[in-house]
Amino acid sequence: MCKKFICILCVLTILFPLTVSAKNNNVSAQKAVVIDKSTSTVLYQKSSNVKCSMASTTKIMTCLIACEKLKQNDIVTITNKMLDKTEGSLIYLKVGDKITVSDLIKGALLASGNDAANSLAVYTSGSISEFVKLMNLYAIKFGMKNTHFETPSGLDSKNHYSTAYDMAVLTSHALDNETFASVCKLQKADITINGKIQTIYNHNKLLYQTENCIGVKTGFTEKSGRCLVSAYDYKGSTIIIVTLNDYDDWNDHKKLFDYAKNQYKTLSRTQNISIDCVGTNRKKVVCTAQFDVSYLDNLTFKYYYYPILYAPILQNTKVGKTEIYSNNKLIRTVDIIVPESVKVWQTTTK
């Protein structure tokens, strides 16, 4: 089969207001924000640029850096420096323990292990202080203008703070990392310490309660209160929700997700694509791409497929793909298939 593809660009633009208002008293959080990841559109906000402590949601930054800077299969030997002043949530590492980077990331994101977070920091930069410098460099790079890090774990510290909006921006970048995204949505995971396997569970109840939830991180200290960052896949769009100091965070995130969904329009259709075909009694074969997507601003479709098909072709054979973009960012890829088998054209002679 010819390996050359045809690309067709189709643009669908639908305009409607993107400024969304909501009653802040519907949410218990002191600070909150909801954003659409693709367009960075703010769908809801409540004191979203007010600085405050953010507890273990800090580990989003710690684990993103570890995902980018470290090899997942590296074996880390735990040292005194890594465990110094660790308290609160732990995976109970001890000096001399051996554990992979991958399992430390799982321990920090799922079980919120402060010992796991500090171990990643020291292994990456040699010390907590040097790693914190790196965290703040990342914050500057991401445009987190109202954020300053002092710890990799999120334990209370005088000048350790962020905002709901900045944490949403951080989460948007973190979800772009495939390793981070694949870990933060796990309900549980097996990790190995000194050759012994143990199961850890994600503290994020929304992963068990909401089908669309794809992560991200919980947090709590006496100073910060309950903090929660969650993300949802809604028909190809990613919705990020952050609440800080929120005594009813599980319910608030469910309400905010339902609220956010109502701000989207959806497009469901089957796109027919006629492709030239040889070896059969048809000149063209009608192929299909089926999709159901949500969007705020505009959608762009790019179709890639073989210019000529050759019979025989089995039903549901993939002959190309449709890339669907929102605000020039890829949100979904859909296969172009042959919906019915195509037989070889046969002649009979007498």
C-alpha atoms as a PDB file:
ATOM      1  CA  MET A   1       0.000   0.000   0.000  1.00  0.00           C
ATOM      2  CA  CYS A   2       1.270   3.436  -0.876  1.00  0.00           C
ATOM      3  CA  LYS A   3       2.765   5.131   2.171  1.00  0.00           C
ATOM      4  CA  LYS A   4       1.941   8.653   1.046  1.00  0.00           C
ATOM      5  CA  PHE A   5      -0.755  10.411   3.043  1.00  0.00           C
ATOM      6  CA  ILE A   6      -3.163  13.106   2.022  1.00  0.00           C
ATOM      7  CA  CYS A   7      -3.699  15.875   4.563  1.00  0.00           C
ATOM      8  CA  ILE A   8      -6.881  17.927   4.497  1.00  0.00           C
ATOM      9  CA  LEU A   9      -7.328  20.849   6.871  1.00  0.00           C
ATOM     10  CA  CYS A  10     -10.841  21.719   7.950  1.00  0.00           C
ATOM     11  CA  VAL A  11     -11.532  24.576  10.350  1.00  0.00           C
ATOM     12  CA  LEU A  12     -14.755  24.909  12.310  1.00  0.00           C
ATOM     13  CA  THR A  13     -15.015  28.086  14.315  1.00  0.00           C
ATOM     14  CA  ILE A  14     -17.967  28.724  16.585  1.00  0.00           C
ATOM     15  CA  LEU A  15     -17.975  31.927  18.564  1.00  0.00           C
ATOM     16  CA  PHE A  16     -19.663  32.571  21.862  1.00  0.00           C
ATOM     17  CA  PRO A  17     -18.757  34.443  25.083  1.00  0.00           C
ATOM     18  CA  LEU A  18     -15.965  32.931  27.150  1.00  0.00           C
ATOM     19  CA  THR A  19     -16.523  35.097  30.219  1.00  0.00           C
ATOM     20  CA  VAL A  20     -18.316  32.929  32.726  1.00  0.00           C
ATOM     21  CA  SER A  21     -19.712  34.039  36.058  1.00  0.00           C
ATOM     22  CA  ALA A  22     -20.670  31.887  39.020  1.00  0.00           C
ATOM     23  CA  LYS A  23     -21.820  32.497  42.543  1.00  0.00           C
ATOM     24  CA  ASN A  24     -18.776  32.145  44.773  1.00  0.00           C
ATOM     25  CA  ASN A  25     -20.931  31.226  47.763  1.00  0.00           C
ATOM     26  CA  ASN A  26     -21.704  27.882  46.119  1.00  0.00           C
ATOM     27  CA  VAL A  27     -18.169  26.709  46.932  1.00  0.00           C
ATOM     28  CA  SER A  28     -16.774  26.215  50.426  1.00  0.00           C
ATOM     29  CA  ALA A  29     -13.161  26.820  49.403  1.00  0.00           C
ATOM     30  CA  GLN A  30     -11.523  30.098  50.381  1.00  0.00           C
ATOM     31  CA  LYS A  31      -9.673  30.062  47.039  1.00  0.00           C
ATOM     32  CA  ALA A  32     -10.666  28.212  43.894  1.00  0.00           C
ATOM     33  CA  VAL A  33     -10.259  28.174  40.140  1.00  0.00           C
ATOM     34  CA  VAL A  34     -11.405  26.075  37.191  1.00  0.00           C
ATOM     35  CA  ILE A  35      -9.586  26.281  33.858  1.00  0.00           C
ATOM     36  CA  ASP A  36      -9.789  24.665  30.452  1.00  0.00           C
ATOM     37  CA  LYS A  37      -6.346  23.209  29.809  1.00  0.00           C
ATOM     38  CA  SER A  38      -6.234  23.703  26.037  1.00  0.00           C
ATOM     39  CA  THR A  39      -7.231  27.359  25.966  1.00  0.00           C
ATOM     40  CA  SER A  40      -6.291  28.397  29.544  1.00  0.00           C
ATOM     41  CA  THR A  41      -9.777  29.907  29.783  1.00  0.00           C
ATOM     42  CA  VAL A  42     -10.855  30.551  33.375  1.00  0.00           C
ATOM     43  CA  LEU A  43     -14.299  29.001  33.794  1.00  0.00           C
ATOM     44  CA  TYR A  44     -14.692  29.832  37.478  1.00  0.00           C
ATOM     45  CA  GLN A  45     -12.660  31.662  40.084  1.00  0.00           C
ATOM     46  CA  LYS A  46     -12.865  32.663  43.698  1.00  0.00           C
ATOM     47  CA  SER A  47      -9.927  34.639  45.121  1.00  0.00           C
ATOM     48  CA  SER A  48      -7.818  32.636  42.676  1.00  0.00           C
ATOM     49  CA  ASN A  49      -4.807  34.984  42.808  1.00  0.00           C
ATOM     50  CA  VAL A  50      -4.614  35.290  46.587  1.00  0.00           C
ATOM     51  CA  LYS A  51      -1.417  33.821  48.017  1.00  0.00           C
ATOM     52  CA  CYS A  52      -1.693  31.016  50.560  1.00  0.00           C
ATOM     53  CA  SER A  53      -0.027  27.749  51.557  1.00  0.00           C
ATOM     54  CA  MET A  54      -0.875  24.762  49.360  1.00  0.00           C
ATOM     55  CA  ALA A  55       0.284  21.756  51.408  1.00  0.00           C
ATOM     56  CA  SER A  56       1.108  18.548  49.520  1.00  0.00           C
ATOM     57  CA  THR A  57      -0.187  19.794  46.189  1.00  0.00           C
ATOM     58  CA  THR A  58       3.402  21.105  46.180  1.00  0.00           C
ATOM     59  CA  LYS A  59       4.423  17.579  45.196  1.00  0.00           C
ATOM     60  CA  ILE A  60       3.025  18.203  41.706  1.00  0.00           C
ATOM     61  CA  MET A  61       6.088  20.363  41.064  1.00  0.00           C
ATOM     62  CA  THR A  62       8.469  17.981  42.854  1.00  0.00           C
ATOM     63  CA  CYS A  63       7.311  14.968  40.854  1.00  0.00           C
ATOM     64  CA  LEU A  64       7.167  16.825  37.544  1.00  0.00           C
ATOM     65  CA  ILE A  65      10.825  17.800  37.958  1.00  0.00           C
ATOM     66  CA  ALA A  66      11.702  14.215  38.881  1.00  0.00           C
ATOM     67  CA  CYS A  67       9.860  12.934  35.799  1.00  0.00           C
ATOM     68  CA  GLU A  68      11.810  15.323  33.598  1.00  0.00           C
ATOM     69  CA  LYS A  69      15.250  15.135  35.202  1.00  0.00           C
ATOM     70  CA  LEU A  70      15.627  11.536  36.379  1.00  0.00           C
ATOM     71  CA  LYS A  71      15.678   8.076  34.847  1.00  0.00           C
ATOM     72  CA  GLN A  72      12.664   6.133  36.083  1.00  0.00           C
ATOM     73  CA  ASN A  73      14.627   2.899  36.639  1.00  0.00           C
ATOM     74  CA  ASP A  74      17.421   4.502  38.663  1.00  0.00           C
ATOM     75  CA  ILE A  75      17.800   2.845  42.077  1.00  0.00           C
ATOM     76  CA  VAL A  76      17.982   5.326  44.957  1.00  0.00           C
ATOM     77  CA  THR A  77      19.675   4.434  48.240  1.00  0.00           C
ATOM     78  CA  ILE A  78      17.964   6.344  51.039  1.00  0.00           C
ATOM     79  CA  THR A  79      20.236   8.538  53.196  1.00  0.00           C
ATOM     80  CA  ASN A  80      19.931  10.502  56.437  1.00  0.00           C
ATOM     81  CA  LYS A  81      19.821  13.736  54.439  1.00  0.00           C
ATOM     82  CA  MET A  82      16.773  12.488  52.542  1.00  0.00           C
ATOM     83  CA  LEU A  83      14.851  11.689  55.725  1.00  0.00           C
ATOM     84  CA  ASP A  84      15.861  14.715  57.778  1.00  0.00           C
ATOM     85  CA  LYS A  85      12.818  16.404  59.389  1.00  0.00           C
ATOM     86  CA  THR A  86      10.285  14.330  57.457  1.00  0.00           C
ATOM     87  CA  GLU A  87       6.941  13.935  59.192  1.00  0.00           C
ATOM     88  CA  GLY A  88       3.250  13.645  58.413  1.00  0.00           C
ATOM     89  CA  SER A  89       2.327  11.381  55.470  1.00  0.00           C
ATOM     90  CA  LEU A  90       5.073   8.837  54.831  1.00  0.00           C
ATOM     91  CA  ILE A  91       5.817   5.636  52.956  1.00  0.00           C
ATOM     92  CA  TYR A  92       8.121   4.833  55.901  1.00  0.00           C
ATOM     93  CA  LEU A  93      11.472   4.777  54.196  1.00  0.00           C
ATOM     94  CA  LYS A  94      14.553   3.969  56.301  1.00  0.00           C
ATOM     95  CA  VAL A  95      18.221   4.795  55.837  1.00  0.00           C
ATOM     96  CA  GLY A  96      19.778   2.236  53.497  1.00  0.00           C
ATOM     97  CA  ASP A  97      16.508   1.336  51.767  1.00  0.00           C
ATOM     98  CA  LYS A  98      16.738   0.852  48.020  1.00  0.00           C
ATOM     99  CA  ILE A  99      13.868   2.019  45.803  1.00  0.00           C
ATOM    100  CA  THR A 100      13.516   3.165  42.194  1.00  0.00           C
ATOM    101  CA  VAL A 101      12.821   6.735  41.116  1.00  0.00           C
ATOM    102  CA  SER A 102       9.567   5.500  39.584  1.00  0.00           C
ATOM    103  CA  ASP A 103       8.386   4.091  42.910  1.00  0.00           C
ATOM    104  CA  LEU A 104       9.410   7.246  44.781  1.00  0.00           C
ATOM    105  CA  ILE A 105       7.242   9.274  42.389  1.00  0.00           C
ATOM    106  CA  LYS A 106       4.324   6.915  43.010  1.00  0.00           C
ATOM    107  CA  GLY A 107       4.925   7.150  46.757  1.00  0.00           C
ATOM    108  CA  ALA A 108       4.885  10.954  46.606  1.00  0.00           C
ATOM    109  CA  LEU A 109       1.889  11.361  44.286  1.00  0.00           C
ATOM    110  CA  LEU A 110      -0.388   8.570  45.494  1.00  0.00           C
ATOM    111  CA  ALA A 111       0.438   8.129  49.183  1.00  0.00           C
ATOM    112  CA  SER A 112       1.711  11.721  49.540  1.00  0.00           C
ATOM    113  CA  GLY A 113       4.893  10.461  51.182  1.00  0.00           C
ATOM    114  CA  ASN A 114       6.939  13.399  52.447  1.00  0.00           C
ATOM    115  CA  ASP A 115       9.920  11.065  52.747  1.00  0.00           C
ATOM    116  CA  ALA A 116       9.493  10.085  49.088  1.00  0.00           C
ATOM    117  CA  ALA A 117       9.313  13.738  47.999  1.00  0.00           C
ATOM    118  CA  ASN A 118      12.422  14.726  49.944  1.00  0.00           C
ATOM    119  CA  SER A 119      14.298  11.697  48.631  1.00  0.00           C
ATOM    120  CA  LEU A 120      13.521  12.723  45.060  1.00  0.00           C
ATOM    121  CA  ALA A 121      14.696  16.256  45.813  1.00  0.00           C
ATOM    122  CA  VAL A 122      18.025  15.229  47.310  1.00  0.00           C
ATOM    123  CA  TYR A 123      18.651  12.606  44.619  1.00  0.00           C
ATOM    124  CA  THR A 124      17.984  15.201  41.908  1.00  0.00           C
ATOM    125  CA  SER A 125      19.931  18.171  43.263  1.00  0.00           C
ATOM    126  CA  GLY A 126      22.095  16.920  46.125  1.00  0.00           C
ATOM    127  CA  SER A 127      20.228  18.880  48.791  1.00  0.00           C
ATOM    128  CA  ILE A 128      16.796  20.221  49.626  1.00  0.00           C
ATOM    129  CA  SER A 129      17.967  23.836  49.276  1.00  0.00           C
ATOM    130  CA  GLU A 130      19.349  23.277  45.776  1.00  0.00           C
ATOM    131  CA  PHE A 131      16.204  21.473  44.685  1.00  0.00           C
ATOM    132  CA  VAL A 132      14.028  24.310  45.995  1.00  0.00           C
ATOM    133  CA  LYS A 133      16.006  26.701  43.791  1.00  0.00           C
ATOM    134  CA  LEU A 134      15.130  24.471  40.845  1.00  0.00           C
ATOM    135  CA  MET A 135      11.457  24.460  41.846  1.00  0.00           C
ATOM    136  CA  ASN A 136      11.420  28.251  41.833  1.00  0.00           C
ATOM    137  CA  LEU A 137      13.150  28.388  38.451  1.00  0.00           C
ATOM    138  CA  TYR A 138      10.420  26.147  37.073  1.00  0.00           C
ATOM    139  CA  ALA A 139       7.803  28.419  38.632  1.00  0.00           C
ATOM    140  CA  ILE A 140       9.303  31.394  36.816  1.00  0.00           C
ATOM    141  CA  LYS A 141       9.441  29.446  33.552  1.00  0.00           C
ATOM    142  CA  PHE A 142       5.761  28.514  33.874  1.00  0.00           C
ATOM    143  CA  GLY A 143       4.706  32.089  34.660  1.00  0.00           C
ATOM    144  CA  MET A 144       3.661  31.305  38.242  1.00  0.00           C
ATOM    145  CA  LYS A 145       3.974  34.931  39.342  1.00  0.00           C
ATOM    146  CA  ASN A 146       2.526  34.511  42.847  1.00  0.00           C
ATOM    147  CA  THR A 147       4.361  31.358  43.912  1.00  0.00           C
ATOM    148  CA  HIS A 148       7.427  30.666  46.026  1.00  0.00           C
ATOM    149  CA  PHE A 149       8.616  27.229  47.117  1.00  0.00           C
ATOM    150  CA  GLU A 150      10.583  26.408  50.261  1.00  0.00           C
ATOM    151  CA  THR A 151       9.979  22.660  50.564  1.00  0.00           C
ATOM    152  CA  PRO A 152       9.601  19.727  48.125  1.00  0.00           C
ATOM    153  CA  SER A 153       6.905  18.129  50.291  1.00  0.00           C
ATOM    154  CA  GLY A 154       4.591  21.039  51.063  1.00  0.00           C
ATOM    155  CA  LEU A 155       5.025  20.952  54.836  1.00  0.00           C
ATOM    156  CA  ASP A 156       4.284  24.366  56.319  1.00  0.00           C
ATOM    157  CA  SER A 157       7.008  26.965  55.917  1.00  0.00           C
ATOM    158  CA  LYS A 158       6.878  30.752  56.271  1.00  0.00           C
ATOM    159  CA  ASN A 159       7.584  31.641  52.645  1.00  0.00           C
ATOM    160  CA  HIS A 160       6.075  28.598  50.976  1.00  0.00           C
ATOM    161  CA  TYR A 161       2.988  29.754  49.084  1.00  0.00           C
ATOM    162  CA  SER A 162       1.101  29.788  45.814  1.00  0.00           C
ATOM    163  CA  THR A 163      -2.355  30.609  44.466  1.00  0.00           C
ATOM    164  CA  ALA A 164      -5.193  28.528  43.075  1.00  0.00           C
ATOM    165  CA  TYR A 165      -4.522  29.934  39.598  1.00  0.00           C
ATOM    166  CA  ASP A 166      -0.775  29.277  39.713  1.00  0.00           C
ATOM    167  CA  MET A 167      -1.381  25.700  40.842  1.00  0.00           C
ATOM    168  CA  ALA A 168      -3.735  25.211  37.890  1.00  0.00           C
ATOM    169  CA  VAL A 169      -1.025  26.515  35.552  1.00  0.00           C
ATOM    170  CA  LEU A 170       1.500  24.125  37.114  1.00  0.00           C
ATOM    171  CA  THR A 171      -0.911  21.210  36.740  1.00  0.00           C
ATOM    172  CA  SER A 172      -1.473  22.027  33.085  1.00  0.00           C
ATOM    173  CA  HIS A 173       2.272  21.696  32.459  1.00  0.00           C
ATOM    174  CA  ALA A 174       2.537  18.570  34.615  1.00  0.00           C
ATOM    175  CA  LEU A 175      -0.184  16.780  32.652  1.00  0.00           C
ATOM    176  CA  ASP A 176       1.823  17.389  29.477  1.00  0.00           C
ATOM    177  CA  ASN A 177       4.402  14.979  30.883  1.00  0.00           C
ATOM    178  CA  GLU A 178       3.308  11.451  29.977  1.00  0.00           C
ATOM    179  CA  THR A 179       4.976   9.816  32.978  1.00  0.00           C
ATOM    180  CA  PHE A 180       3.419  12.238  35.456  1.00  0.00           C
ATOM    181  CA  ALA A 181      -0.003  11.963  33.826  1.00  0.00           C
ATOM    182  CA  SER A 182       0.081   8.158  33.869  1.00  0.00           C
ATOM    183  CA  VAL A 183       0.992   8.004  37.571  1.00  0.00           C
ATOM    184  CA  CYS A 184      -1.288  10.676  39.050  1.00  0.00           C
ATOM    185  CA  LYS A 185      -4.430   8.902  37.783  1.00  0.00           C
ATOM    186  CA  LEU A 186      -3.611   5.534  39.392  1.00  0.00           C
ATOM    187  CA  GLN A 187      -5.986   4.409  42.139  1.00  0.00           C
ATOM    188  CA  LYS A 188      -3.276   2.187  43.587  1.00  0.00           C
ATOM    189  CA  ALA A 189       0.190   0.922  42.740  1.00  0.00           C
ATOM    190  CA  ASP A 190       2.697  -1.701  43.818  1.00  0.00           C
ATOM    191  CA  ILE A 191       6.070  -0.318  44.862  1.00  0.00           C
ATOM    192  CA  THR A 192       9.189  -2.260  45.781  1.00  0.00           C
ATOM    193  CA  ILE A 193      11.451  -1.379  48.710  1.00  0.00           C
ATOM    194  CA  ASN A 194      14.491  -3.616  49.255  1.00  0.00           C
ATOM    195  CA  GLY A 195      12.980  -6.206  46.956  1.00  0.00           C
ATOM    196  CA  LYS A 196       9.712  -6.386  48.901  1.00  0.00           C
ATOM    197  CA  ILE A 197       6.491  -5.401  47.167  1.00  0.00           C
ATOM    198  CA  GLN A 198       3.866  -3.332  48.939  1.00  0.00           C
ATOM    199  CA  THR A 199       0.651  -1.746  47.685  1.00  0.00           C
ATOM    200  CA  ILE A 200      -0.039   1.947  48.166  1.00  0.00           C
ATOM    201  CA  TYR A 201      -3.351   3.702  47.547  1.00  0.00           C
ATOM    202  CA  ASN A 202      -4.133   7.098  46.109  1.00  0.00           C
ATOM    203  CA  HIS A 203      -5.531   9.586  48.636  1.00  0.00           C
ATOM    204  CA  ASN A 204      -7.641  11.176  45.888  1.00  0.00           C
ATOM    205  CA  LYS A 205     -11.163   9.781  46.421  1.00  0.00           C
ATOM    206  CA  LEU A 206     -12.404  11.398  43.212  1.00  0.00           C
ATOM    207  CA  LEU A 207     -10.552   8.756  41.224  1.00  0.00           C
ATOM    208  CA  TYR A 208     -12.859   6.157  42.772  1.00  0.00           C
ATOM    209  CA  GLN A 209     -16.012   8.255  42.668  1.00  0.00           C
ATOM    210  CA  THR A 210     -15.886  10.114  39.328  1.00  0.00           C
ATOM    211  CA  GLU A 211     -15.391   8.268  36.061  1.00  0.00           C
ATOM    212  CA  ASN A 212     -13.899  11.273  34.235  1.00  0.00           C
ATOM    213  CA  CYS A 213     -11.269  12.064  36.886  1.00  0.00           C
ATOM    214  CA  ILE A 214      -7.637  11.680  35.715  1.00  0.00           C
ATOM    215  CA  GLY A 215      -5.786  12.881  38.869  1.00  0.00           C
ATOM    216  CA  VAL A 216      -4.097  14.894  40.378  1.00  0.00           C
ATOM    217  CA  LYS A 217      -3.116  15.583  44.054  1.00  0.00           C
ATOM    218  CA  THR A 218      -4.461  16.060  47.559  1.00  0.00           C
ATOM    219  CA  GLY A 219      -2.971  18.082  50.406  1.00  0.00           C
ATOM    220  CA  PHE A 220      -3.516  19.008  54.038  1.00  0.00           C
ATOM    221  CA  THR A 221      -1.741  20.802  56.864  1.00  0.00           C
ATOM    222  CA  GLU A 222      -3.107  22.690  59.854  1.00  0.00           C
ATOM    223  CA  LYS A 223      -2.043  25.966  58.237  1.00  0.00           C
ATOM    224  CA  SER A 224      -3.315  25.343  54.709  1.00  0.00           C
ATOM    225  CA  GLY A 225      -6.422  23.313  55.466  1.00  0.00           C
ATOM    226  CA  ARG A 226      -7.638  20.819  52.877  1.00  0.00           C
ATOM    227  CA  CYS A 227      -6.207  21.420  49.407  1.00  0.00           C
ATOM    228  CA  LEU A 228      -7.115  19.548  46.257  1.00  0.00           C
ATOM    229  CA  VAL A 229      -6.110  19.663  42.603  1.00  0.00           C
ATOM    230  CA  SER A 230      -8.152  17.516  40.236  1.00  0.00           C
ATOM    231  CA  ALA A 231      -8.338  17.074  36.472  1.00  0.00           C
ATOM    232  CA  TYR A 232     -11.033  15.613  34.257  1.00  0.00           C
ATOM    233  CA  ASP A 233     -11.286  14.382  30.693  1.00  0.00           C
ATOM    234  CA  TYR A 234     -14.530  15.685  29.220  1.00  0.00           C
ATOM    235  CA  LYS A 235     -14.920  14.475  25.616  1.00  0.00           C
ATOM    236  CA  GLY A 236     -11.364  15.421  24.708  1.00  0.00           C
ATOM    237  CA  SER A 237     -11.132  18.609  26.778  1.00  0.00           C
ATOM    238  CA  THR A 238      -9.174  18.607  30.031  1.00  0.00           C
ATOM    239  CA  ILE A 239     -10.712  20.536  32.930  1.00  0.00           C
ATOM    240  CA  ILE A 240      -8.441  21.446  35.865  1.00  0.00           C
ATOM    241  CA  ILE A 241      -9.925  22.349  39.266  1.00  0.00           C
ATOM    242  CA  VAL A 242      -8.019  23.731  42.258  1.00  0.00           C
ATOM    243  CA  THR A 243      -9.413  24.446  45.721  1.00  0.00           C
ATOM    244  CA  LEU A 244      -7.322  25.707  48.643  1.00  0.00           C
ATOM    245  CA  ASN A 245      -8.438  25.690  52.267  1.00  0.00           C
ATOM    246  CA  ASP A 246     -11.682  23.861  51.561  1.00  0.00           C
ATOM    247  CA  TYR A 247     -13.407  21.759  54.233  1.00  0.00           C
ATOM    248  CA  ASP A 248     -15.804  20.251  51.653  1.00  0.00           C
ATOM    249  CA  ASP A 249     -13.391  19.706  48.774  1.00  0.00           C
ATOM    250  CA  TRP A 250     -14.711  16.379  47.444  1.00  0.00           C
ATOM    251  CA  ASN A 251     -18.201  17.751  46.966  1.00  0.00           C
ATOM    252  CA  ASP A 252     -16.956  21.110  45.723  1.00  0.00           C
ATOM    253  CA  HIS A 253     -14.907  19.483  42.971  1.00  0.00           C
ATOM    254  CA  LYS A 254     -17.886  17.434  41.838  1.00  0.00           C
ATOM    255  CA  LYS A 255     -20.044  20.571  41.739  1.00  0.00           C
ATOM    256  CA  LEU A 256     -17.382  22.561  39.907  1.00  0.00           C
ATOM    257  CA  PHE A 257     -16.892  19.803  37.357  1.00  0.00           C
ATOM    258  CA  ASP A 258     -20.635  19.713  36.666  1.00  0.00           C
ATOM    259  CA  TYR A 259     -20.634  23.497  36.420  1.00  0.00           C
ATOM    260  CA  ALA A 260     -17.659  23.485  34.026  1.00  0.00           C
ATOM    261  CA  LYS A 261     -19.211  20.894  31.710  1.00  0.00           C
ATOM    262  CA  ASN A 262     -22.144  23.201  31.137  1.00  0.00           C
ATOM    263  CA  GLN A 263     -19.805  25.866  29.727  1.00  0.00           C
ATOM    264  CA  TYR A 264     -18.781  23.625  26.813  1.00  0.00           C
ATOM    265  CA  LYS A 265     -20.427  22.927  23.522  1.00  0.00           C
ATOM    266  CA  THR A 266     -20.110  19.444  22.070  1.00  0.00           C
ATOM    267  CA  LEU A 267     -19.820  18.172  18.531  1.00  0.00           C
ATOM    268  CA  SER A 268     -20.723  14.591  17.682  1.00  0.00           C
ATOM    269  CA  ARG A 269     -20.625  13.341  14.128  1.00  0.00           C
ATOM    270  CA  THR A 270     -19.472  10.731  11.690  1.00  0.00           C
ATOM    271  CA  GLN A 271     -17.207  12.200   9.029  1.00  0.00           C
ATOM    272  CA  ASN A 272     -17.339  10.419   5.666  1.00  0.00           C
ATOM    273  CA  ILE A 273     -14.185  10.434   3.536  1.00  0.00           C
ATOM    274  CA  SER A 274     -14.132   9.020  -0.005  1.00  0.00           C
ATOM    275  CA  ILE A 275     -10.832   7.452  -1.007  1.00  0.00           C
ATOM    276  CA  ASP A 276      -9.895   6.093  -4.436  1.00  0.00           C
ATOM    277  CA  CYS A 277      -9.722   2.305  -4.546  1.00  0.00           C
ATOM    278  CA  VAL A 278      -8.360  -0.161  -7.109  1.00  0.00           C
ATOM    279  CA  GLY A 279      -8.853  -3.880  -7.470  1.00  0.00           C
ATOM    280  CA  THR A 280     -12.598  -3.731  -6.910  1.00  0.00           C
ATOM    281  CA  ASN A 281     -15.708  -2.736  -8.822  1.00  0.00           C
ATOM    282  CA  ARG A 282     -15.918   0.523  -6.831  1.00  0.00           C
ATOM    283  CA  LYS A 283     -13.957   3.585  -7.859  1.00  0.00           C
ATOM    284  CA  LYS A 284     -14.062   4.976  -4.320  1.00  0.00           C
ATOM    285  CA  VAL A 285     -14.561   3.612  -0.831  1.00  0.00           C
ATOM    286  CA  VAL A 286     -16.424   5.697   1.747  1.00  0.00           C
ATOM    287  CA  CYS A 287     -14.401   5.597   4.980  1.00  0.00           C
ATOM    288  CA  THR A 288     -15.478   7.051   8.322  1.00  0.00           C
ATOM    289  CA  ALA A 289     -14.131   8.892  11.361  1.00  0.00           C
ATOM    290  CA  GLN A 290     -16.435   9.066  14.375  1.00  0.00           C
ATOM    291  CA  PHE A 291     -15.901  11.572  17.146  1.00  0.00           C
ATOM    292  CA  ASP A 292     -17.633  13.181  20.109  1.00  0.00           C
ATOM    293  CA  VAL A 293     -15.734  16.215  21.417  1.00  0.00           C
ATOM    294  CA  SER A 294     -16.266  19.217  23.669  1.00  0.00           C
ATOM    295  CA  TYR A 295     -14.890  22.690  22.981  1.00  0.00           C
ATOM    296  CA  LEU A 296     -14.956  26.308  24.089  1.00  0.00           C
ATOM    297  CA  ASP A 297     -13.329  28.355  21.382  1.00  0.00           C
ATOM    298  CA  ASN A 298     -12.846  26.604  18.050  1.00  0.00           C
ATOM    299  CA  LEU A 299     -12.023  23.237  16.578  1.00  0.00           C
ATOM    300  CA  THR A 300      -9.576  22.415  13.833  1.00  0.00           C
ATOM    301  CA  PHE A 301      -9.568  19.059  12.050  1.00  0.00           C
ATOM    302  CA  LYS A 302      -6.647  17.563  10.150  1.00  0.00           C
ATOM    303  CA  TYR A 303      -7.290  14.422   8.104  1.00  0.00           C
ATOM    304  CA  TYR A 304      -4.443  12.119   7.135  1.00  0.00           C
ATOM    305  CA  TYR A 305      -5.127   9.098   4.930  1.00  0.00           C
ATOM    306  CA  TYR A 306      -3.771   6.961   2.109  1.00  0.00           C
ATOM    307  CA  PRO A 307      -4.515   8.489  -1.306  1.00  0.00           C
ATOM    308  CA  ILE A 308      -5.273   5.085  -2.853  1.00  0.00           C
ATOM    309  CA  LEU A 309      -6.592   1.884  -1.282  1.00  0.00           C
ATOM    310  CA  TYR A 310      -6.057  -1.596  -2.674  1.00  0.00           C
ATOM    311  CA  ALA A 311      -8.650  -4.355  -2.374  1.00  0.00           C
ATOM    312  CA  PRO A 312      -9.207  -6.623  -0.575  1.00  0.00           C
ATOM    313  CA  ILE A 313      -9.765  -4.594   2.603  1.00  0.00           C
ATOM    314  CA  LEU A 314     -11.135  -6.054   5.818  1.00  0.00           C
ATOM    315  CA  GLN A 315     -13.880  -4.323   7.788  1.00  0.00           C
ATOM    316  CA  ASN A 316     -12.596  -1.796  10.376  1.00  0.00           C
ATOM    317  CA  THR A 317      -9.158  -1.577   8.754  1.00  0.00           C
ATOM    318  CA  LYS A 318      -7.438   1.673   9.778  1.00  0.00           C
ATOM    319  CA  VAL A 319      -6.534   3.743   6.714  1.00  0.00           C
ATOM    320  CA  GLY A 320      -5.697   7.064   8.366  1.00  0.00           C
ATOM    321  CA  LYS A 321      -6.379   9.337  11.286  1.00  0.00           C
ATOM    322  CA  THR A 322      -8.170  12.547  12.209  1.00  0.00           C
ATOM    323  CA  GLU A 323      -6.415  14.954  14.551  1.00  0.00           C
ATOM    324  CA  ILE A 324      -8.742  17.280  16.455  1.00  0.00           C
ATOM    325  CA  TYR A 325      -7.300  20.510  17.823  1.00  0.00           C
ATOM    326  CA  SER A 326      -8.720  23.116  20.194  1.00  0.00           C
ATOM    327  CA  ASN A 327      -6.977  26.476  20.097  1.00  0.00           C
ATOM    328  CA  ASN A 328      -4.181  24.830  18.080  1.00  0.00           C
ATOM    329  CA  LYS A 329      -3.600  22.158  20.739  1.00  0.00           C
ATOM    330  CA  LEU A 330      -4.205  18.493  19.952  1.00  0.00           C
ATOM    331  CA  ILE A 331      -7.033  17.156  22.121  1.00  0.00           C
ATOM    332  CA  ARG A 332      -7.936  13.892  20.402  1.00  0.00           C
ATOM    333  CA  THR A 333      -6.894  11.553  17.588  1.00  0.00           C
ATOM    334  CA  VAL A 334      -9.559   9.412  15.898  1.00  0.00           C
ATOM    335  CA  ASP A 335      -8.939   6.562  13.460  1.00  0.00           C
ATOM    336  CA  ILE A 336     -10.280   6.686   9.924  1.00  0.00           C
ATOM    337  CA  ILE A 337     -11.578   3.207   9.137  1.00  0.00           C
ATOM    338  CA  VAL A 338     -13.194   1.201   6.354  1.00  0.00           C
ATOM    339  CA  PRO A 339     -16.676   0.432   7.798  1.00  0.00           C
ATOM    340  CA  GLU A 340     -17.378  -2.536   5.495  1.00  0.00           C
ATOM    341  CA  SER A 341     -15.136  -5.135   3.883  1.00  0.00           C
ATOM    342  CA  VAL A 342     -14.146  -4.492   0.272  1.00  0.00           C
ATOM    343  CA  LYS A 343     -13.768  -7.580  -1.898  1.00  0.00           C
ATOM    344  CA  VAL A 344     -11.493  -8.014  -4.884  1.00  0.00           C
ATOM    345  CA  TRP A 345     -13.271  -7.416  -8.176  1.00  0.00           C
ATOM    346  CA  GLN A 346     -13.619 -10.708 -10.018  1.00  0.00           C
ATOM    347  CA  THR A 347     -14.461 -11.456 -13.653  1.00  0.00           C
ATOM    348  CA  THR A 348     -15.808 -14.649 -15.053  1.00  0.00           C
ATOM    349  CA  THR A 349     -15.043 -16.120 -18.479  1.00  0.00           C
ATOM    350  CA  LYS A 350     -17.124 -18.549 -20.474  1.00  0.00           C
END
